[in-house]
PDB file of N, CA and C in Angstrom:
ATOM      1  N   UNK A   1     231.474 -47.740 -59.292  1.00  0.00           N
ATOM      2  CA  UNK A   1     230.035 -47.902 -59.314  1.00  0.00           C
ATOM      3  C   UNK A   1     229.553 -47.913 -60.758  1.00  0.00           C
ATOM      4  N   UNK A   2     228.520 -48.611 -60.965  1.00  0.00           N
ATOM      5  CA  UNK A   2     227.960 -48.676 -62.314  1.00  0.00           C
ATOM      6  C   UNK A   2     226.794 -47.712 -62.423  1.00  0.00           C
ATOM      7  N   UNK A   3     226.650 -47.151 -63.595  1.00  0.00           N
ATOM      8  CA  UNK A   3     225.534 -46.239 -63.840  1.00  0.00           C
ATOM      9  C   UNK A   3     224.284 -47.035 -64.171  1.00  0.00           C
ATOM     10  N   UNK A   4     223.133 -46.527 -63.806  1.00  0.00           N
ATOM     11  CA  UNK A   4     221.914 -47.274 -64.134  1.00  0.00           C
ATOM     12  C   UNK A   4     221.749 -47.380 -65.644  1.00  0.00           C
ATOM     13  N   UNK A   5     221.339 -48.541 -66.082  1.00  0.00           N
ATOM     14  CA  UNK A   5     221.165 -48.762 -67.508  1.00  0.00           C
ATOM     15  C   UNK A   5     219.822 -48.194 -67.954  1.00  0.00           C
ATOM     16  N   UNK A   6     219.785 -47.744 -69.203  1.00  0.00           N
ATOM     17  CA  UNK A   6     218.536 -47.245 -69.759  1.00  0.00           C
ATOM     18  C   UNK A   6     217.611 -48.420 -70.029  1.00  0.00           C
ATOM     19  N   UNK A   7     216.328 -48.143 -69.924  1.00  0.00           N
ATOM     20  CA  UNK A   7     215.354 -49.187 -70.224  1.00  0.00           C
ATOM     21  C   UNK A   7     215.371 -49.439 -71.727  1.00  0.00           C
ATOM     22  N   UNK A   8     215.234 -50.667 -72.119  1.00  0.00           N
ATOM     23  CA  UNK A   8     215.162 -50.931 -73.565  1.00  0.00           C
ATOM     24  C   UNK A   8     213.870 -50.337 -74.128  1.00  0.00           C
ATOM     25  N   UNK A   9     213.916 -49.939 -75.370  1.00  0.00           N
ATOM     26  CA  UNK A   9     212.751 -49.338 -76.005  1.00  0.00           C
ATOM     27  C   UNK A   9     211.623 -50.352 -76.075  1.00  0.00           C
ATOM     28  N   UNK A  10     210.421 -49.867 -75.833  1.00  0.00           N
ATOM     29  CA  UNK A  10     209.270 -50.755 -75.910  1.00  0.00           C
ATOM     30  C   UNK A  10     209.004 -51.092 -77.364  1.00  0.00           C
ATOM     31  N   UNK A  11     208.401 -52.233 -77.574  1.00  0.00           N
ATOM     32  CA  UNK A  11     208.149 -52.688 -78.934  1.00  0.00           C
ATOM     33  C   UNK A  11     206.694 -53.107 -79.072  1.00  0.00           C
ATOM     34  N   UNK A  12     206.245 -53.123 -80.296  1.00  0.00           N
ATOM     35  CA  UNK A  12     204.917 -53.646 -80.600  1.00  0.00           C
ATOM     36  C   UNK A  12     203.803 -52.881 -79.920  1.00  0.00           C
ATOM     37  N   UNK A  13     202.886 -53.637 -79.329  1.00  0.00           N
ATOM     38  CA  UNK A  13     201.694 -53.033 -78.724  1.00  0.00           C
ATOM     39  C   UNK A  13     202.052 -52.132 -77.546  1.00  0.00           C
ATOM     40  N   UNK A  14     203.055 -52.502 -76.774  1.00  0.00           N
ATOM     41  CA  UNK A  14     203.459 -51.686 -75.628  1.00  0.00           C
ATOM     42  C   UNK A  14     203.920 -50.301 -76.092  1.00  0.00           C
ATOM     43  N   UNK A  15     204.659 -50.256 -77.192  1.00  0.00           N
ATOM     44  CA  UNK A  15     205.125 -48.969 -77.728  1.00  0.00           C
ATOM     45  C   UNK A  15     203.944 -48.147 -78.219  1.00  0.00           C
ATOM     46  N   UNK A  16     203.008 -48.817 -78.888  1.00  0.00           N
ATOM     47  CA  UNK A  16     201.834 -48.122 -79.409  1.00  0.00           C
ATOM     48  C   UNK A  16     201.004 -47.554 -78.268  1.00  0.00           C
ATOM     49  N   UNK A  17     200.801 -48.354 -77.214  1.00  0.00           N
ATOM     50  CA  UNK A  17     200.027 -47.889 -76.060  1.00  0.00           C
ATOM     51  C   UNK A  17     200.717 -46.706 -75.373  1.00  0.00           C
ATOM     52  N   UNK A  18     202.027 -46.756 -75.284  1.00  0.00           N
ATOM     53  CA  UNK A  18     202.779 -45.665 -74.661  1.00  0.00           C
ATOM     54  C   UNK A  18     202.597 -44.368 -75.468  1.00  0.00           C
ATOM     55  N   UNK A  19     202.684 -44.477 -76.781  1.00  0.00           N
ATOM     56  CA  UNK A  19     202.496 -43.299 -77.638  1.00  0.00           C
ATOM     57  C   UNK A  19     201.066 -42.772 -77.544  1.00  0.00           C
ATOM     58  N   UNK A  20     200.112 -43.692 -77.525  1.00  0.00           N
ATOM     59  CA  UNK A  20     198.706 -43.289 -77.426  1.00  0.00           C
ATOM     60  C   UNK A  20     198.460 -42.540 -76.119  1.00  0.00           C
ATOM     61  N   UNK A  21     199.010 -43.049 -75.022  1.00  0.00           N
ATOM     62  CA  UNK A  21     198.848 -42.394 -73.731  1.00  0.00           C
ATOM     63  C   UNK A  21     199.491 -41.002 -73.728  1.00  0.00           C
ATOM     64  N   UNK A  22     200.626 -40.875 -74.407  1.00  0.00           N
ATOM     65  CA  UNK A  22     201.292 -39.574 -74.496  1.00  0.00           C
ATOM     66  C   UNK A  22     200.418 -38.580 -75.263  1.00  0.00           C
ATOM     67  N   UNK A  23     199.779 -39.041 -76.334  1.00  0.00           N
ATOM     68  CA  UNK A  23     198.897 -38.176 -77.118  1.00  0.00           C
ATOM     69  C   UNK A  23     197.682 -37.784 -76.284  1.00  0.00           C
ATOM     70  N   UNK A  24     197.116 -38.730 -75.561  1.00  0.00           N
ATOM     71  CA  UNK A  24     195.954 -38.450 -74.708  1.00  0.00           C
ATOM     72  C   UNK A  24     196.322 -37.383 -73.672  1.00  0.00           C
ATOM     73  N   UNK A  25     197.492 -37.509 -73.090  1.00  0.00           N
ATOM     74  CA  UNK A  25     197.942 -36.545 -72.077  1.00  0.00           C
ATOM     75  C   UNK A  25     198.123 -35.154 -72.689  1.00  0.00           C
ATOM     76  N   UNK A  26     198.764 -35.085 -73.873  1.00  0.00           N
ATOM     77  CA  UNK A  26     198.966 -33.791 -74.544  1.00  0.00           C
ATOM     78  C   UNK A  26     197.632 -33.151 -74.901  1.00  0.00           C
ATOM     79  N   UNK A  27     196.691 -33.969 -75.394  1.00  0.00           N
ATOM     80  CA  UNK A  27     195.379 -33.440 -75.758  1.00  0.00           C
ATOM     81  C   UNK A  27     194.655 -32.879 -74.541  1.00  0.00           C
ATOM     82  N   UNK A  28     194.747 -33.580 -73.426  1.00  0.00           N
ATOM     83  CA  UNK A  28     194.099 -33.109 -72.202  1.00  0.00           C
ATOM     84  C   UNK A  28     194.714 -31.784 -71.743  1.00  0.00           C
ATOM     85  N   UNK A  29     196.023 -31.687 -71.807  1.00  0.00           N
ATOM     86  CA  UNK A  29     196.693 -30.438 -71.413  1.00  0.00           C
ATOM     87  C   UNK A  29     196.308 -29.296 -72.348  1.00  0.00           C
ATOM     88  N   UNK A  30     196.197 -29.596 -73.636  1.00  0.00           N
ATOM     89  CA  UNK A  30     195.819 -28.572 -74.611  1.00  0.00           C
ATOM     90  C   UNK A  30     194.384 -28.110 -74.377  1.00  0.00           C
ATOM     91  N   UNK A  31     193.484 -29.063 -74.117  1.00  0.00           N
ATOM     92  CA  UNK A  31     192.091 -28.700 -73.820  1.00  0.00           C
ATOM     93  C   UNK A  31     192.017 -27.818 -72.578  1.00  0.00           C
ATOM     94  N   UNK A  32     192.774 -28.163 -71.564  1.00  0.00           N
ATOM     95  CA  UNK A  32     192.780 -27.393 -70.315  1.00  0.00           C
ATOM     96  C   UNK A  32     193.278 -25.966 -70.567  1.00  0.00           C
ATOM     97  N   UNK A  33     194.352 -25.846 -71.337  1.00  0.00           N
ATOM     98  CA  UNK A  33     194.902 -24.523 -71.654  1.00  0.00           C
ATOM     99  C   UNK A  33     193.907 -23.719 -72.497  1.00  0.00           C
ATOM    100  N   UNK A  34     193.240 -24.383 -73.453  1.00  0.00           N
ATOM    101  CA  UNK A  34     192.254 -23.712 -74.290  1.00  0.00           C
ATOM    102  C   UNK A  34     191.073 -23.216 -73.479  1.00  0.00           C
ATOM    103  N   UNK A  35     190.617 -24.025 -72.531  1.00  0.00           N
ATOM    104  CA  UNK A  35     189.497 -23.624 -71.672  1.00  0.00           C
ATOM    105  C   UNK A  35     189.880 -22.412 -70.827  1.00  0.00           C
ATOM    106  N   UNK A  36     191.091 -22.440 -70.305  1.00  0.00           N
ATOM    107  CA  UNK A  36     191.566 -21.321 -69.488  1.00  0.00           C
ATOM    108  C   UNK A  36     191.617 -20.039 -70.331  1.00  0.00           C
ATOM    109  N   UNK A  37     192.107 -20.157 -71.561  1.00  0.00           N
ATOM    110  CA  UNK A  37     192.199 -19.002 -72.456  1.00  0.00           C
ATOM    111  C   UNK A  37     190.802 -18.491 -72.832  1.00  0.00           C
ATOM    112  N   UNK A  38     189.885 -19.414 -73.138  1.00  0.00           N
ATOM    113  CA  UNK A  38     188.504 -19.000 -73.470  1.00  0.00           C
ATOM    114  C   UNK A  38     187.836 -18.316 -72.294  1.00  0.00           C
ATOM    115  N   UNK A  39     188.034 -18.851 -71.087  1.00  0.00           N
ATOM    116  CA  UNK A  39     187.442 -18.240 -69.898  1.00  0.00           C
ATOM    117  C   UNK A  39     187.969 -16.820 -69.694  1.00  0.00           C
ATOM    118  N   UNK A  40     189.267 -16.638 -69.907  1.00  0.00           N
ATOM    119  CA  UNK A  40     189.853 -15.304 -69.751  1.00  0.00           C
ATOM    120  C   UNK A  40     189.296 -14.344 -70.806  1.00  0.00           C
ATOM    121  N   UNK A  41     189.164 -14.826 -72.038  1.00  0.00           N
ATOM    122  CA  UNK A  41     188.618 -13.993 -73.116  1.00  0.00           C
ATOM    123  C   UNK A  41     187.168 -13.639 -72.836  1.00  0.00           C
ATOM    124  N   UNK A  42     186.384 -14.624 -72.389  1.00  0.00           N
ATOM    125  CA  UNK A  42     184.975 -14.374 -72.072  1.00  0.00           C
ATOM    126  C   UNK A  42     184.839 -13.356 -70.942  1.00  0.00           C
ATOM    127  N   UNK A  43     185.694 -13.461 -69.932  1.00  0.00           N
ATOM    128  CA  UNK A  43     185.643 -12.514 -68.818  1.00  0.00           C
ATOM    129  C   UNK A  43     185.980 -11.109 -69.300  1.00  0.00           C
ATOM    130  N   UNK A  44     186.990 -11.007 -70.159  1.00  0.00           N
ATOM    131  CA  UNK A  44     187.390  -9.703 -70.682  1.00  0.00           C
ATOM    132  C   UNK A  44     186.248  -9.086 -71.495  1.00  0.00           C
ATOM    133  N   UNK A  45     185.607  -9.887 -72.339  1.00  0.00           N
ATOM    134  CA  UNK A  45     184.483  -9.381 -73.141  1.00  0.00           C
ATOM    135  C   UNK A  45     183.327  -8.946 -72.258  1.00  0.00           C
ATOM    136  N   UNK A  46     183.033  -9.724 -71.229  1.00  0.00           N
ATOM    137  CA  UNK A  46     181.943  -9.372 -70.315  1.00  0.00           C
ATOM    138  C   UNK A  46     182.264  -8.064 -69.588  1.00  0.00           C
ATOM    139  N   UNK A  47     183.502  -7.902 -69.164  1.00  0.00           N
ATOM    140  CA  UNK A  47     183.913  -6.658 -68.496  1.00  0.00           C
ATOM    141  C   UNK A  47     183.765  -5.468 -69.437  1.00  0.00           C
ATOM    142  N   UNK A  48     184.174  -5.639 -70.694  1.00  0.00           N
ATOM    143  CA  UNK A  48     184.050  -4.558 -71.675  1.00  0.00           C
ATOM    144  C   UNK A  48     182.585  -4.241 -71.949  1.00  0.00           C
ATOM    145  N   UNK A  49     181.763  -5.280 -72.034  1.00  0.00           N
ATOM    146  CA  UNK A  49     180.334  -5.087 -72.285  1.00  0.00           C
ATOM    147  C   UNK A  49     179.678  -4.329 -71.119  1.00  0.00           C
ATOM    148  N   UNK A  50     180.037  -4.698 -69.883  1.00  0.00           N
ATOM    149  CA  UNK A  50     179.483  -3.998 -68.719  1.00  0.00           C
ATOM    150  C   UNK A  50     179.931  -2.539 -68.684  1.00  0.00           C
ATOM    151  N   UNK A  51     181.191  -2.286 -69.021  1.00  0.00           N
ATOM    152  CA  UNK A  51     181.704  -0.911 -69.025  1.00  0.00           C
ATOM    153  C   UNK A  51     180.978  -0.078 -70.077  1.00  0.00           C
ATOM    154  N   UNK A  52     180.748  -0.650 -71.255  1.00  0.00           N
ATOM    155  CA  UNK A  52     180.045   0.075 -72.317  1.00  0.00           C
ATOM    156  C   UNK A  52     178.597   0.327 -71.905  1.00  0.00           C
ATOM    157  N   UNK A  53     177.974  -0.645 -71.266  1.00  0.00           N
ATOM    158  CA  UNK A  53     176.592  -0.492 -70.812  1.00  0.00           C
ATOM    159  C   UNK A  53     176.492   0.609 -69.754  1.00  0.00           C
ATOM    160  N   UNK A  54     177.449   0.626 -68.857  1.00  0.00           N
ATOM    161  CA  UNK A  54     177.465   1.653 -67.810  1.00  0.00           C
ATOM    162  C   UNK A  54     177.655   3.042 -68.419  1.00  0.00           C
ATOM    163  N   UNK A  55     178.542   3.119 -69.415  1.00  0.00           N
ATOM    164  CA  UNK A  55     178.796   4.385 -70.095  1.00  0.00           C
ATOM    165  C   UNK A  55     177.530   4.865 -70.815  1.00  0.00           C
ATOM    166  N   UNK A  56     176.857   3.967 -71.539  1.00  0.00           N
ATOM    167  CA  UNK A  56     175.622   4.343 -72.241  1.00  0.00           C
ATOM    168  C   UNK A  56     174.539   4.752 -71.271  1.00  0.00           C
ATOM    169  N   UNK A  57     174.460   4.046 -70.162  1.00  0.00           N
ATOM    170  CA  UNK A  57     173.457   4.368 -69.146  1.00  0.00           C
ATOM    171  C   UNK A  57     173.700   5.766 -68.591  1.00  0.00           C
ATOM    172  N   UNK A  58     174.957   6.090 -68.345  1.00  0.00           N
ATOM    173  CA  UNK A  58     175.301   7.432 -67.859  1.00  0.00           C
ATOM    174  C   UNK A  58     174.986   8.499 -68.880  1.00  0.00           C
ATOM    175  N   UNK A  59     175.235   8.206 -70.160  1.00  0.00           N
ATOM    176  CA  UNK A  59     174.937   9.171 -71.222  1.00  0.00           C
ATOM    177  C   UNK A  59     173.437   9.383 -71.354  1.00  0.00           C
ATOM    178  N   UNK A  60     172.656   8.311 -71.214  1.00  0.00           N
ATOM    179  CA  UNK A  60     171.204   8.442 -71.293  1.00  0.00           C
ATOM    180  C   UNK A  60     170.670   9.278 -70.142  1.00  0.00           C
ATOM    181  N   UNK A  61     171.190   9.035 -68.946  1.00  0.00           N
ATOM    182  CA  UNK A  61     170.741   9.803 -67.783  1.00  0.00           C
ATOM    183  C   UNK A  61     171.093  11.268 -67.960  1.00  0.00           C
ATOM    184  N   UNK A  62     172.265  11.536 -68.493  1.00  0.00           N
ATOM    185  CA  UNK A  62     172.706  12.910 -68.724  1.00  0.00           C
ATOM    186  C   UNK A  62     171.796  13.608 -69.740  1.00  0.00           C
ATOM    187  N   UNK A  63     171.481  12.910 -70.839  1.00  0.00           N
ATOM    188  CA  UNK A  63     170.621  13.522 -71.864  1.00  0.00           C
ATOM    189  C   UNK A  63     169.200  13.681 -71.355  1.00  0.00           C
ATOM    190  N   UNK A  64     168.743  12.787 -70.486  1.00  0.00           N
ATOM    191  CA  UNK A  64     167.398  12.902 -69.925  1.00  0.00           C
ATOM    192  C   UNK A  64     167.310  14.120 -69.015  1.00  0.00           C
ATOM    193  N   UNK A  65     168.361  14.404 -68.285  1.00  0.00           N
ATOM    194  CA  UNK A  65     168.372  15.594 -67.408  1.00  0.00           C
ATOM    195  C   UNK A  65     168.348  16.864 -68.231  1.00  0.00           C
ATOM    196  N   UNK A  66     169.072  16.852 -69.360  1.00  0.00           N
ATOM    197  CA  UNK A  66     169.090  18.022 -70.227  1.00  0.00           C
ATOM    198  C   UNK A  66     167.709  18.268 -70.808  1.00  0.00           C
ATOM    199  N   UNK A  67     167.036  17.193 -71.237  1.00  0.00           N
ATOM    200  CA  UNK A  67     165.709  17.298 -71.821  1.00  0.00           C
ATOM    201  C   UNK A  67     164.669  17.755 -70.804  1.00  0.00           C
ATOM    202  N   UNK A  68     164.814  17.404 -69.556  1.00  0.00           N
ATOM    203  CA  UNK A  68     163.858  17.775 -68.511  1.00  0.00           C
ATOM    204  C   UNK A  68     164.007  19.243 -68.138  1.00  0.00           C
ATOM    205  N   UNK A  69     165.145  19.820 -68.391  1.00  0.00           N
ATOM    206  CA  UNK A  69     165.411  21.189 -67.997  1.00  0.00           C
ATOM    207  C   UNK A  69     164.876  22.195 -68.976  1.00  0.00           C
ATOM    208  N   UNK A  70     164.259  21.813 -70.026  1.00  0.00           N
ATOM    209  CA  UNK A  70     163.745  22.740 -71.065  1.00  0.00           C
ATOM    210  C   UNK A  70     162.602  23.526 -70.608  1.00  0.00           C
TER     211      UNK A  70
END
């Protein structure tokens, strides 16, 4: 049996278009990965901000109770 032959390398405009399409695909994948990373970072920051706000709110309520007891 014969093995399948490799396709000959593209030349000229076809080669350029193939490379351009490969770059477009890589850029799209990179943008997608970057968006996913930014979304995760934004969620983490929002969670930290809410936790700090909750902590401050609890501290304010605690100090208000102390002040009312005078």
